[in-house]
């Protein structure tokens, strides 16, 4: 399984994060894929994701923060399942000065994801 984080909106309307993994051989329905590059040393203040999507980091290391103070670091090769498209949102900042190159894989509405949380 691949290392992953899941951002989601809780019953308190705040974004939260769970660390886990994505199953390697499970398929899901998607609508689109698109790519983006952001220069190193960038940051993006409070926002929500536009739609449920996988964010596949190809380069760059980022620190994400939720309004509740949850912090996690995404590195190249990590998978972020971003489903907090409503609620209080999250922010991020670059840590390593490298550009953040990533692929967004937009989930089809109602599609199941292949995220598995770490055992507690």
PDB file of N, CA and C in Angstrom:
ATOM      1  N   UNK A   1       0.836  -1.182   0.000  1.00  0.00           N
ATOM      2  CA  UNK A   1       0.000   0.000   0.000  1.00  0.00           C
ATOM      3  C   UNK A   1       0.885   1.251   0.000  1.00  0.00           C
ATOM      4  N   UNK A   2       0.351   2.333  -0.532  1.00  0.00           N
ATOM      5  CA  UNK A   2       1.081   3.589  -0.654  1.00  0.00           C
ATOM      6  C   UNK A   2       0.736   4.514   0.511  1.00  0.00           C
ATOM      7  N   UNK A   3       1.745   5.182   1.053  1.00  0.00           N
ATOM      8  CA  UNK A   3       1.540   6.118   2.168  1.00  0.00           C
ATOM      9  C   UNK A   3       0.593   7.232   1.736  1.00  0.00           C
ATOM     10  N   UNK A   4      -0.374   7.559   2.598  1.00  0.00           N
ATOM     11  CA  UNK A   4      -1.392   8.545   2.227  1.00  0.00           C
ATOM     12  C   UNK A   4      -1.921   9.296   3.443  1.00  0.00           C
ATOM     13  N   UNK A   5      -2.528  10.429   3.167  1.00  0.00           N
ATOM     14  CA  UNK A   5      -3.264  11.218   4.146  1.00  0.00           C
ATOM     15  C   UNK A   5      -4.644  11.479   3.559  1.00  0.00           C
ATOM     16  N   UNK A   6      -5.643  11.560   4.430  1.00  0.00           N
ATOM     17  CA  UNK A   6      -6.990  11.915   3.993  1.00  0.00           C
ATOM     18  C   UNK A   6      -7.431  13.158   4.749  1.00  0.00           C
ATOM     19  N   UNK A   7      -7.719  14.222   3.999  1.00  0.00           N
ATOM     20  CA  UNK A   7      -8.324  15.434   4.560  1.00  0.00           C
ATOM     21  C   UNK A   7      -9.828  15.296   4.386  1.00  0.00           C
ATOM     22  N   UNK A   8     -10.583  15.516   5.460  1.00  0.00           N
ATOM     23  CA  UNK A   8     -12.031  15.392   5.390  1.00  0.00           C
ATOM     24  C   UNK A   8     -12.671  16.434   6.303  1.00  0.00           C
ATOM     25  N   UNK A   9     -13.951  16.688   6.089  1.00  0.00           N
ATOM     26  CA  UNK A   9     -14.707  17.599   6.934  1.00  0.00           C
ATOM     27  C   UNK A   9     -15.449  16.788   7.978  1.00  0.00           C
ATOM     28  N   UNK A  10     -15.208  17.113   9.247  1.00  0.00           N
ATOM     29  CA  UNK A  10     -15.850  16.396  10.342  1.00  0.00           C
ATOM     30  C   UNK A  10     -17.214  16.978  10.667  1.00  0.00           C
ATOM     31  N   UNK A  11     -17.922  16.363  11.626  1.00  0.00           N
ATOM     32  CA  UNK A  11     -19.234  16.863  12.039  1.00  0.00           C
ATOM     33  C   UNK A  11     -19.170  18.271  12.631  1.00  0.00           C
ATOM     34  N   UNK A  12     -17.978  18.692  13.069  1.00  0.00           N
ATOM     35  CA  UNK A  12     -17.791  20.043  13.611  1.00  0.00           C
ATOM     36  C   UNK A  12     -17.582  21.087  12.521  1.00  0.00           C
ATOM     37  N   UNK A  13     -17.662  20.661  11.245  1.00  0.00           N
ATOM     38  CA  UNK A  13     -17.479  21.509  10.070  1.00  0.00           C
ATOM     39  C   UNK A  13     -16.030  21.972   9.898  1.00  0.00           C
ATOM     40  N   UNK A  14     -15.084  21.358  10.616  1.00  0.00           N
ATOM     41  CA  UNK A  14     -13.661  21.643  10.472  1.00  0.00           C
ATOM     42  C   UNK A  14     -13.002  20.549   9.643  1.00  0.00           C
ATOM     43  N   UNK A  15     -11.901  20.908   8.987  1.00  0.00           N
ATOM     44  CA  UNK A  15     -11.094  19.914   8.281  1.00  0.00           C
ATOM     45  C   UNK A  15     -10.263  19.140   9.288  1.00  0.00           C
ATOM     46  N   UNK A  16     -10.117  17.852   9.026  1.00  0.00           N
ATOM     47  CA  UNK A  16      -9.308  16.965   9.858  1.00  0.00           C
ATOM     48  C   UNK A  16      -8.471  16.092   8.943  1.00  0.00           C
ATOM     49  N   UNK A  17      -7.456  15.444   9.517  1.00  0.00           N
ATOM     50  CA  UNK A  17      -6.585  14.582   8.722  1.00  0.00           C
ATOM     51  C   UNK A  17      -6.454  13.223   9.399  1.00  0.00           C
ATOM     52  N   UNK A  18      -6.381  12.195   8.569  1.00  0.00           N
ATOM     53  CA  UNK A  18      -6.107  10.824   9.007  1.00  0.00           C
ATOM     54  C   UNK A  18      -4.917  10.342   8.186  1.00  0.00           C
ATOM     55  N   UNK A  19      -3.959   9.712   8.833  1.00  0.00           N
ATOM     56  CA  UNK A  19      -2.836   9.113   8.108  1.00  0.00           C
ATOM     57  C   UNK A  19      -3.157   7.656   7.844  1.00  0.00           C
ATOM     58  N   UNK A  20      -2.724   7.169   6.695  1.00  0.00           N
ATOM     59  CA  UNK A  20      -2.988   5.785   6.340  1.00  0.00           C
ATOM     60  C   UNK A  20      -2.275   5.402   5.060  1.00  0.00           C
ATOM     61  N   UNK A  21      -2.998   4.699   4.215  1.00  0.00           N
ATOM     62  CA  UNK A  21      -2.434   4.207   2.964  1.00  0.00           C
ATOM     63  C   UNK A  21      -3.542   4.095   1.923  1.00  0.00           C
ATOM     64  N   UNK A  22      -3.126   3.947   0.682  1.00  0.00           N
ATOM     65  CA  UNK A  22      -4.047   3.705  -0.428  1.00  0.00           C
ATOM     66  C   UNK A  22      -3.731   2.313  -0.964  1.00  0.00           C
ATOM     67  N   UNK A  23      -4.772   1.514  -1.128  1.00  0.00           N
ATOM     68  CA  UNK A  23      -4.584   0.174  -1.686  1.00  0.00           C
ATOM     69  C   UNK A  23      -4.065   0.281  -3.114  1.00  0.00           C
ATOM     70  N   UNK A  24      -3.100  -0.546  -3.431  1.00  0.00           N
ATOM     71  CA  UNK A  24      -2.439  -0.447  -4.742  1.00  0.00           C
ATOM     72  C   UNK A  24      -3.245  -1.003  -5.905  1.00  0.00           C
ATOM     73  N   UNK A  25      -4.057  -2.014  -5.684  1.00  0.00           N
ATOM     74  CA  UNK A  25      -4.687  -2.691  -6.820  1.00  0.00           C
ATOM     75  C   UNK A  25      -6.191  -2.463  -6.901  1.00  0.00           C
ATOM     76  N   UNK A  26      -6.693  -1.497  -6.144  1.00  0.00           N
ATOM     77  CA  UNK A  26      -8.117  -1.206  -6.159  1.00  0.00           C
ATOM     78  C   UNK A  26      -8.387  -0.047  -7.107  1.00  0.00           C
ATOM     79  N   UNK A  27      -9.393  -0.179  -7.930  1.00  0.00           N
ATOM     80  CA  UNK A  27      -9.747   0.874  -8.882  1.00  0.00           C
ATOM     81  C   UNK A  27     -10.934   1.668  -8.362  1.00  0.00           C
ATOM     82  N   UNK A  28     -11.020   2.908  -8.824  1.00  0.00           N
ATOM     83  CA  UNK A  28     -12.164   3.759  -8.515  1.00  0.00           C
ATOM     84  C   UNK A  28     -12.501   4.576  -9.752  1.00  0.00           C
ATOM     85  N   UNK A  29     -13.702   5.119  -9.761  1.00  0.00           N
ATOM     86  CA  UNK A  29     -14.138   5.917 -10.906  1.00  0.00           C
ATOM     87  C   UNK A  29     -13.665   7.356 -10.748  1.00  0.00           C
ATOM     88  N   UNK A  30     -13.081   7.886 -11.811  1.00  0.00           N
ATOM     89  CA  UNK A  30     -12.583   9.260 -11.805  1.00  0.00           C
ATOM     90  C   UNK A  30     -13.152  10.015 -13.005  1.00  0.00           C
ATOM     91  N   UNK A  31     -13.133  11.349 -12.867  1.00  0.00           N
ATOM     92  CA  UNK A  31     -13.641  12.207 -13.944  1.00  0.00           C
ATOM     93  C   UNK A  31     -12.540  12.787 -14.800  1.00  0.00           C
ATOM     94  N   UNK A  32     -11.416  13.161 -14.146  1.00  0.00           N
ATOM     95  CA  UNK A  32     -10.387  13.886 -14.879  1.00  0.00           C
ATOM     96  C   UNK A  32      -9.065  13.806 -14.134  1.00  0.00           C
ATOM     97  N   UNK A  33      -8.012  14.130 -14.855  1.00  0.00           N
ATOM     98  CA  UNK A  33      -6.699  14.312 -14.261  1.00  0.00           C
ATOM     99  C   UNK A  33      -6.137  15.613 -14.831  1.00  0.00           C
ATOM    100  N   UNK A  34      -5.498  16.380 -13.963  1.00  0.00           N
ATOM    101  CA  UNK A  34      -4.807  17.576 -14.441  1.00  0.00           C
ATOM    102  C   UNK A  34      -3.577  17.803 -13.580  1.00  0.00           C
ATOM    103  N   UNK A  35      -2.666  18.610 -14.085  1.00  0.00           N
ATOM    104  CA  UNK A  35      -1.369  18.802 -13.456  1.00  0.00           C
ATOM    105  C   UNK A  35      -1.162  20.267 -13.113  1.00  0.00           C
ATOM    106  N   UNK A  36      -0.313  20.490 -12.118  1.00  0.00           N
ATOM    107  CA  UNK A  36      -0.014  21.864 -11.720  1.00  0.00           C
ATOM    108  C   UNK A  36       1.384  21.932 -11.126  1.00  0.00           C
ATOM    109  N   UNK A  37       2.018  23.082 -11.294  1.00  0.00           N
ATOM    110  CA  UNK A  37       3.317  23.337 -10.674  1.00  0.00           C
ATOM    111  C   UNK A  37       3.250  24.687  -9.965  1.00  0.00           C
ATOM    112  N   UNK A  38       3.726  24.711  -8.717  1.00  0.00           N
ATOM    113  CA  UNK A  38       3.789  25.931  -7.923  1.00  0.00           C
ATOM    114  C   UNK A  38       5.241  26.141  -7.538  1.00  0.00           C
ATOM    115  N   UNK A  39       5.763  27.374  -7.655  1.00  0.00           N
ATOM    116  CA  UNK A  39       7.165  27.625  -7.316  1.00  0.00           C
ATOM    117  C   UNK A  39       7.486  27.278  -5.861  1.00  0.00           C
ATOM    118  N   UNK A  40       8.750  26.943  -5.612  1.00  0.00           N
ATOM    119  CA  UNK A  40       9.211  26.685  -4.250  1.00  0.00           C
ATOM    120  C   UNK A  40       9.002  27.915  -3.379  1.00  0.00           C
ATOM    121  N   UNK A  41       8.932  27.711  -2.085  1.00  0.00           N
ATOM    122  CA  UNK A  41       8.718  28.775  -1.094  1.00  0.00           C
ATOM    123  C   UNK A  41       7.330  29.405  -1.163  1.00  0.00           C
ATOM    124  N   UNK A  42       6.383  28.777  -1.849  1.00  0.00           N
ATOM    125  CA  UNK A  42       5.016  29.291  -1.936  1.00  0.00           C
ATOM    126  C   UNK A  42       4.215  28.853  -0.710  1.00  0.00           C
ATOM    127  N   UNK A  43       3.075  29.485  -0.543  1.00  0.00           N
ATOM    128  CA  UNK A  43       2.123  29.120   0.505  1.00  0.00           C
ATOM    129  C   UNK A  43       0.735  29.452  -0.012  1.00  0.00           C
ATOM    130  N   UNK A  44      -0.273  28.804   0.546  1.00  0.00           N
ATOM    131  CA  UNK A  44      -1.663  29.075   0.179  1.00  0.00           C
ATOM    132  C   UNK A  44      -2.472  29.087   1.455  1.00  0.00           C
ATOM    133  N   UNK A  45      -3.088  30.232   1.755  1.00  0.00           N
ATOM    134  CA  UNK A  45      -3.811  30.421   3.002  1.00  0.00           C
ATOM    135  C   UNK A  45      -5.108  29.597   3.007  1.00  0.00           C
ATOM    136  N   UNK A  46      -5.945  29.776   3.985  1.00  0.00           N
ATOM    137  CA  UNK A  46      -7.134  28.952   4.222  1.00  0.00           C
ATOM    138  C   UNK A  46      -7.988  28.796   2.972  1.00  0.00           C
ATOM    139  N   UNK A  47      -8.321  27.547   2.669  1.00  0.00           N
ATOM    140  CA  UNK A  47      -9.147  27.232   1.507  1.00  0.00           C
ATOM    141  C   UNK A  47      -9.706  25.819   1.654  1.00  0.00           C
ATOM    142  N   UNK A  48     -10.668  25.521   0.827  1.00  0.00           N
ATOM    143  CA  UNK A  48     -11.209  24.165   0.700  1.00  0.00           C
ATOM    144  C   UNK A  48     -10.780  23.619  -0.641  1.00  0.00           C
ATOM    145  N   UNK A  49     -10.809  22.320  -0.761  1.00  0.00           N
ATOM    146  CA  UNK A  49     -10.573  21.732  -2.070  1.00  0.00           C
ATOM    147  C   UNK A  49     -11.824  21.919  -2.915  1.00  0.00           C
ATOM    148  N   UNK A  50     -11.672  22.118  -4.223  1.00  0.00           N
ATOM    149  CA  UNK A  50     -12.843  22.392  -5.059  1.00  0.00           C
ATOM    150  C   UNK A  50     -13.768  21.184  -5.217  1.00  0.00           C
ATOM    151  N   UNK A  51     -13.208  19.987  -5.075  1.00  0.00           N
ATOM    152  CA  UNK A  51     -13.974  18.755  -5.265  1.00  0.00           C
ATOM    153  C   UNK A  51     -13.149  17.594  -4.711  1.00  0.00           C
ATOM    154  N   UNK A  52     -13.792  16.479  -4.376  1.00  0.00           N
ATOM    155  CA  UNK A  52     -13.019  15.337  -3.883  1.00  0.00           C
ATOM    156  C   UNK A  52     -12.013  14.870  -4.937  1.00  0.00           C
ATOM    157  N   UNK A  53     -10.760  14.726  -4.507  1.00  0.00           N
ATOM    158  CA  UNK A  53      -9.711  14.394  -5.459  1.00  0.00           C
ATOM    159  C   UNK A  53      -8.495  13.795  -4.758  1.00  0.00           C
ATOM    160  N   UNK A  54      -7.760  13.012  -5.515  1.00  0.00           N
ATOM    161  CA  UNK A  54      -6.429  12.583  -5.094  1.00  0.00           C
ATOM    162  C   UNK A  54      -5.452  13.658  -5.540  1.00  0.00           C
ATOM    163  N   UNK A  55      -4.479  13.970  -4.694  1.00  0.00           N
ATOM    164  CA  UNK A  55      -3.395  14.875  -5.054  1.00  0.00           C
ATOM    165  C   UNK A  55      -2.114  14.051  -4.941  1.00  0.00           C
ATOM    166  N   UNK A  56      -1.470  13.823  -6.076  1.00  0.00           N
ATOM    167  CA  UNK A  56      -0.264  12.997  -6.140  1.00  0.00           C
ATOM    168  C   UNK A  56       0.946  13.915  -6.233  1.00  0.00           C
ATOM    169  N   UNK A  57       1.738  13.986  -5.184  1.00  0.00           N
ATOM    170  CA  UNK A  57       2.899  14.871  -5.157  1.00  0.00           C
ATOM    171  C   UNK A  57       4.065  14.215  -5.885  1.00  0.00           C
ATOM    172  N   UNK A  58       4.547  14.896  -6.922  1.00  0.00           N
ATOM    173  CA  UNK A  58       5.664  14.409  -7.720  1.00  0.00           C
ATOM    174  C   UNK A  58       6.987  15.009  -7.252  1.00  0.00           C
ATOM    175  N   UNK A  59       6.952  16.281  -6.806  1.00  0.00           N
ATOM    176  CA  UNK A  59       8.141  16.915  -6.231  1.00  0.00           C
ATOM    177  C   UNK A  59       7.682  17.999  -5.267  1.00  0.00           C
ATOM    178  N   UNK A  60       8.565  18.339  -4.322  1.00  0.00           N
ATOM    179  CA  UNK A  60       8.259  19.344  -3.319  1.00  0.00           C
ATOM    180  C   UNK A  60       7.785  18.716  -2.016  1.00  0.00           C
ATOM    181  N   UNK A  61       8.084  19.384  -0.928  1.00  0.00           N
ATOM    182  CA  UNK A  61       7.666  18.945   0.404  1.00  0.00           C
ATOM    183  C   UNK A  61       6.850  20.069   1.021  1.00  0.00           C
ATOM    184  N   UNK A  62       5.661  19.726   1.521  1.00  0.00           N
ATOM    185  CA  UNK A  62       4.723  20.730   2.032  1.00  0.00           C
ATOM    186  C   UNK A  62       4.270  20.393   3.439  1.00  0.00           C
ATOM    187  N   UNK A  63       3.946  21.441   4.171  1.00  0.00           N
ATOM    188  CA  UNK A  63       3.322  21.293   5.476  1.00  0.00           C
ATOM    189  C   UNK A  63       1.884  21.782   5.360  1.00  0.00           C
ATOM    190  N   UNK A  64       0.944  20.932   5.720  1.00  0.00           N
ATOM    191  CA  UNK A  64      -0.472  21.275   5.734  1.00  0.00           C
ATOM    192  C   UNK A  64      -0.902  21.507   7.172  1.00  0.00           C
ATOM    193  N   UNK A  65      -1.833  22.431   7.375  1.00  0.00           N
ATOM    194  CA  UNK A  65      -2.374  22.719   8.700  1.00  0.00           C
ATOM    195  C   UNK A  65      -3.882  22.877   8.591  1.00  0.00           C
ATOM    196  N   UNK A  66      -4.609  22.285   9.545  1.00  0.00           N
ATOM    197  CA  UNK A  66      -6.052  22.503   9.630  1.00  0.00           C
ATOM    198  C   UNK A  66      -6.308  23.604  10.656  1.00  0.00           C
ATOM    199  N   UNK A  67      -7.498  24.169  10.644  1.00  0.00           N
ATOM    200  CA  UNK A  67      -7.834  25.236  11.603  1.00  0.00           C
ATOM    201  C   UNK A  67      -7.778  24.740  13.047  1.00  0.00           C
ATOM    202  N   UNK A  68      -7.972  23.473  13.242  1.00  0.00           N
ATOM    203  CA  UNK A  68      -7.892  22.893  14.585  1.00  0.00           C
ATOM    204  C   UNK A  68      -6.465  22.626  15.040  1.00  0.00           C
ATOM    205  N   UNK A  69      -5.478  22.928  14.186  1.00  0.00           N
ATOM    206  CA  UNK A  69      -4.081  22.778  14.560  1.00  0.00           C
ATOM    207  C   UNK A  69      -3.449  21.449  14.194  1.00  0.00           C
ATOM    208  N   UNK A  70      -4.149  20.612  13.442  1.00  0.00           N
ATOM    209  CA  UNK A  70      -3.548  19.364  12.976  1.00  0.00           C
ATOM    210  C   UNK A  70      -2.540  19.706  11.880  1.00  0.00           C
ATOM    211  N   UNK A  71      -1.337  19.150  11.977  1.00  0.00           N
ATOM    212  CA  UNK A  71      -0.257  19.442  11.029  1.00  0.00           C
ATOM    213  C   UNK A  71       0.282  18.131  10.483  1.00  0.00           C
ATOM    214  N   UNK A  72       0.535  18.101   9.172  1.00  0.00           N
ATOM    215  CA  UNK A  72       1.166  16.927   8.565  1.00  0.00           C
ATOM    216  C   UNK A  72       1.998  17.376   7.380  1.00  0.00           C
ATOM    217  N   UNK A  73       2.979  16.554   7.027  1.00  0.00           N
ATOM    218  CA  UNK A  73       3.919  16.878   5.953  1.00  0.00           C
ATOM    219  C   UNK A  73       3.741  15.878   4.813  1.00  0.00           C
ATOM    220  N   UNK A  74       3.584  16.423   3.605  1.00  0.00           N
ATOM    221  CA  UNK A  74       3.456  15.615   2.395  1.00  0.00           C
ATOM    222  C   UNK A  74       4.767  15.704   1.626  1.00  0.00           C
ATOM    223  N   UNK A  75       5.276  14.531   1.252  1.00  0.00           N
ATOM    224  CA  UNK A  75       6.541  14.432   0.530  1.00  0.00           C
ATOM    225  C   UNK A  75       6.314  13.793  -0.843  1.00  0.00           C
ATOM    226  N   UNK A  76       7.275  13.917  -1.747  1.00  0.00           N
ATOM    227  CA  UNK A  76       7.128  13.260  -3.047  1.00  0.00           C
ATOM    228  C   UNK A  76       6.821  11.774  -2.873  1.00  0.00           C
ATOM    229  N   UNK A  77       5.842  11.307  -3.628  1.00  0.00           N
ATOM    230  CA  UNK A  77       5.412   9.914  -3.548  1.00  0.00           C
ATOM    231  C   UNK A  77       4.229   9.707  -2.631  1.00  0.00           C
ATOM    232  N   UNK A  78       3.932  10.679  -1.759  1.00  0.00           N
ATOM    233  CA  UNK A  78       2.760  10.570  -0.893  1.00  0.00           C
ATOM    234  C   UNK A  78       1.494  10.844  -1.691  1.00  0.00           C
ATOM    235  N   UNK A  79       0.404  10.250  -1.223  1.00  0.00           N
ATOM    236  CA  UNK A  79      -0.908  10.472  -1.812  1.00  0.00           C
ATOM    237  C   UNK A  79      -1.739  11.258  -0.805  1.00  0.00           C
ATOM    238  N   UNK A  80      -2.383  12.316  -1.262  1.00  0.00           N
ATOM    239  CA  UNK A  80      -3.310  13.069  -0.428  1.00  0.00           C
ATOM    240  C   UNK A  80      -4.703  12.887  -1.019  1.00  0.00           C
ATOM    241  N   UNK A  81      -5.613  12.370  -0.209  1.00  0.00           N
ATOM    242  CA  UNK A  81      -7.007  12.271  -0.611  1.00  0.00           C
ATOM    243  C   UNK A  81      -7.720  13.468   0.005  1.00  0.00           C
ATOM    244  N   UNK A  82      -8.042  14.439  -0.805  1.00  0.00           N
ATOM    245  CA  UNK A  82      -8.621  15.692  -0.332  1.00  0.00           C
ATOM    246  C   UNK A  82     -10.128  15.660  -0.532  1.00  0.00           C
ATOM    247  N   UNK A  83     -10.860  15.532   0.583  1.00  0.00           N
ATOM    248  CA  UNK A  83     -12.319  15.484   0.511  1.00  0.00           C
ATOM    249  C   UNK A  83     -12.948  16.569   1.375  1.00  0.00           C
ATOM    250  N   UNK A  84     -12.159  17.540   1.808  1.00  0.00           N
ATOM    251  CA  UNK A  84     -12.688  18.626   2.641  1.00  0.00           C
ATOM    252  C   UNK A  84     -13.114  19.814   1.775  1.00  0.00           C
ATOM    253  N   UNK A  85     -14.013  19.558   0.839  1.00  0.00           N
ATOM    254  CA  UNK A  85     -14.460  20.601  -0.084  1.00  0.00           C
ATOM    255  C   UNK A  85     -15.558  21.488   0.512  1.00  0.00           C
ATOM    256  N   UNK A  86     -15.971  21.203   1.742  1.00  0.00           N
ATOM    257  CA  UNK A  86     -16.863  22.080   2.504  1.00  0.00           C
ATOM    258  C   UNK A  86     -16.245  22.252   3.890  1.00  0.00           C
ATOM    259  N   UNK A  87     -16.695  23.238   4.626  1.00  0.00           N
ATOM    260  CA  UNK A  87     -16.200  23.430   5.991  1.00  0.00           C
ATOM    261  C   UNK A  87     -15.107  24.476   6.080  1.00  0.00           C
ATOM    262  N   UNK A  88     -14.319  24.397   7.151  1.00  0.00           N
ATOM    263  CA  UNK A  88     -13.359  25.460   7.481  1.00  0.00           C
ATOM    264  C   UNK A  88     -12.063  25.426   6.678  1.00  0.00           C
ATOM    265  N   UNK A  89     -11.749  24.316   6.053  1.00  0.00           N
ATOM    266  CA  UNK A  89     -10.601  24.249   5.160  1.00  0.00           C
ATOM    267  C   UNK A  89      -9.258  24.026   5.840  1.00  0.00           C
ATOM    268  N   UNK A  90      -8.213  24.208   5.045  1.00  0.00           N
ATOM    269  CA  UNK A  90      -6.835  23.964   5.462  1.00  0.00           C
ATOM    270  C   UNK A  90      -5.930  24.957   4.738  1.00  0.00           C
ATOM    271  N   UNK A  91      -4.661  24.984   5.123  1.00  0.00           N
ATOM    272  CA  UNK A  91      -3.669  25.803   4.416  1.00  0.00           C
ATOM    273  C   UNK A  91      -2.406  24.967   4.260  1.00  0.00           C
ATOM    274  N   UNK A  92      -1.509  25.428   3.379  1.00  0.00           N
ATOM    275  CA  UNK A  92      -0.237  24.728   3.198  1.00  0.00           C
ATOM    276  C   UNK A  92       0.868  25.734   2.909  1.00  0.00           C
ATOM    277  N   UNK A  93       2.101  25.249   3.137  1.00  0.00           N
ATOM    278  CA  UNK A  93       3.293  26.041   2.801  1.00  0.00           C
ATOM    279  C   UNK A  93       4.392  25.071   2.393  1.00  0.00           C
ATOM    280  N   UNK A  94       5.227  25.541   1.465  1.00  0.00           N
ATOM    281  CA  UNK A  94       6.351  24.736   0.993  1.00  0.00           C
ATOM    282  C   UNK A  94       7.446  24.739   2.050  1.00  0.00           C
ATOM    283  N   UNK A  95       8.169  23.629   2.169  1.00  0.00           N
ATOM    284  CA  UNK A  95       9.225  23.511   3.165  1.00  0.00           C
ATOM    285  C   UNK A  95      10.628  23.440   2.577  1.00  0.00           C
ATOM    286  N   UNK A  96      10.770  22.937   1.366  1.00  0.00           N
ATOM    287  CA  UNK A  96      12.116  22.621   0.874  1.00  0.00           C
ATOM    288  C   UNK A  96      12.616  23.504  -0.259  1.00  0.00           C
ATOM    289  N   UNK A  97      11.859  24.519  -0.650  1.00  0.00           N
ATOM    290  CA  UNK A  97      12.307  25.407  -1.724  1.00  0.00           C
ATOM    291  C   UNK A  97      12.168  24.815  -3.115  1.00  0.00           C
ATOM    292  N   UNK A  98      11.739  23.569  -3.213  1.00  0.00           N
ATOM    293  CA  UNK A  98      11.543  22.927  -4.516  1.00  0.00           C
ATOM    294  C   UNK A  98      10.138  23.242  -5.019  1.00  0.00           C
ATOM    295  N   UNK A  99       9.934  23.277  -6.320  1.00  0.00           N
ATOM    296  CA  UNK A  99       8.578  23.485  -6.822  1.00  0.00           C
ATOM    297  C   UNK A  99       7.684  22.308  -6.442  1.00  0.00           C
ATOM    298  N   UNK A 100       6.414  22.608  -6.224  1.00  0.00           N
ATOM    299  CA  UNK A 100       5.444  21.540  -5.951  1.00  0.00           C
ATOM    300  C   UNK A 100       4.815  21.151  -7.273  1.00  0.00           C
ATOM    301  N   UNK A 101       5.207  19.995  -7.762  1.00  0.00           N
ATOM    302  CA  UNK A 101       4.638  19.432  -8.983  1.00  0.00           C
ATOM    303  C   UNK A 101       3.695  18.322  -8.546  1.00  0.00           C
ATOM    304  N   UNK A 102       2.458  18.379  -9.071  1.00  0.00           N
ATOM    305  CA  UNK A 102       1.478  17.402  -8.633  1.00  0.00           C
ATOM    306  C   UNK A 102       0.460  17.122  -9.726  1.00  0.00           C
ATOM    307  N   UNK A 103      -0.206  15.985  -9.532  1.00  0.00           N
ATOM    308  CA  UNK A 103      -1.315  15.598 -10.390  1.00  0.00           C
ATOM    309  C   UNK A 103      -2.567  15.553  -9.528  1.00  0.00           C
ATOM    310  N   UNK A 104      -3.641  16.124 -10.026  1.00  0.00           N
ATOM    311  CA  UNK A 104      -4.942  16.050  -9.380  1.00  0.00           C
ATOM    312  C   UNK A 104      -5.779  15.021 -10.135  1.00  0.00           C
ATOM    313  N   UNK A 105      -6.303  14.042  -9.420  1.00  0.00           N
ATOM    314  CA  UNK A 105      -7.170  13.029 -10.004  1.00  0.00           C
ATOM    315  C   UNK A 105      -8.539  13.209  -9.358  1.00  0.00           C
ATOM    316  N   UNK A 106      -9.478  13.753 -10.122  1.00  0.00           N
ATOM    317  CA  UNK A 106     -10.792  14.112  -9.601  1.00  0.00           C
ATOM    318  C   UNK A 106     -11.686  12.871  -9.553  1.00  0.00           C
ATOM    319  N   UNK A 107     -12.229  12.623  -8.365  1.00  0.00           N
ATOM    320  CA  UNK A 107     -13.114  11.470  -8.184  1.00  0.00           C
ATOM    321  C   UNK A 107     -14.501  11.745  -8.764  1.00  0.00           C
ATOM    322  N   UNK A 108     -15.096  10.724  -9.330  1.00  0.00           N
ATOM    323  CA  UNK A 108     -16.468  10.805  -9.804  1.00  0.00           C
ATOM    324  C   UNK A 108     -17.381  10.917  -8.581  1.00  0.00           C
ATOM    325  N   UNK A 109     -18.433  11.747  -8.623  1.00  0.00           N
ATOM    326  CA  UNK A 109     -19.332  11.831  -7.461  1.00  0.00           C
ATOM    327  C   UNK A 109     -19.850  10.457  -7.052  1.00  0.00           C
ATOM    328  N   UNK A 110     -19.750  10.176  -5.771  1.00  0.00           N
ATOM    329  CA  UNK A 110     -20.210   8.900  -5.236  1.00  0.00           C
ATOM    330  C   UNK A 110     -19.202   7.768  -5.333  1.00  0.00           C
ATOM    331  N   UNK A 111     -18.062   8.008  -5.980  1.00  0.00           N
ATOM    332  CA  UNK A 111     -17.053   6.955  -6.125  1.00  0.00           C
ATOM    333  C   UNK A 111     -16.423   6.637  -4.769  1.00  0.00           C
ATOM    334  N   UNK A 112     -16.112   5.385  -4.560  1.00  0.00           N
ATOM    335  CA  UNK A 112     -15.417   5.003  -3.343  1.00  0.00           C
ATOM    336  C   UNK A 112     -13.929   5.262  -3.522  1.00  0.00           C
ATOM    337  N   UNK A 113     -13.274   5.610  -2.414  1.00  0.00           N
ATOM    338  CA  UNK A 113     -11.825   5.771  -2.491  1.00  0.00           C
ATOM    339  C   UNK A 113     -11.178   4.513  -1.923  1.00  0.00           C
ATOM    340  N   UNK A 114      -9.893   4.372  -2.115  1.00  0.00           N
ATOM    341  CA  UNK A 114      -9.197   3.176  -1.651  1.00  0.00           C
ATOM    342  C   UNK A 114      -8.315   3.480  -0.444  1.00  0.00           C
ATOM    343  N   UNK A 115      -8.694   4.495   0.343  1.00  0.00           N
ATOM    344  CA  UNK A 115      -7.946   4.889   1.526  1.00  0.00           C
ATOM    345  C   UNK A 115      -8.209   3.934   2.681  1.00  0.00           C
ATOM    346  N   UNK A 116      -7.135   3.564   3.379  1.00  0.00           N
ATOM    347  CA  UNK A 116      -7.232   2.719   4.563  1.00  0.00           C
ATOM    348  C   UNK A 116      -6.507   3.436   5.699  1.00  0.00           C
ATOM    349  N   UNK A 117      -7.236   3.806   6.789  1.00  0.00           N
ATOM    350  CA  UNK A 117      -6.556   4.498   7.899  1.00  0.00           C
ATOM    351  C   UNK A 117      -5.604   3.568   8.632  1.00  0.00           C
ATOM    352  N   UNK A 118      -4.554   4.157   9.212  1.00  0.00           N
ATOM    353  CA  UNK A 118      -3.650   3.374  10.063  1.00  0.00           C
ATOM    354  C   UNK A 118      -4.416   2.870  11.280  1.00  0.00           C
ATOM    355  N   UNK A 119      -4.033   1.691  11.747  1.00  0.00           N
ATOM    356  CA  UNK A 119      -4.641   1.143  12.964  1.00  0.00           C
ATOM    357  C   UNK A 119      -4.239   1.999  14.150  1.00  0.00           C
ATOM    358  N   UNK A 120      -5.167   2.222  15.059  1.00  0.00           N
ATOM    359  CA  UNK A 120      -4.866   3.053  16.239  1.00  0.00           C
ATOM    360  C   UNK A 120      -4.473   2.204  17.405  1.00  0.00           C
TER     361      UNK A 120
END
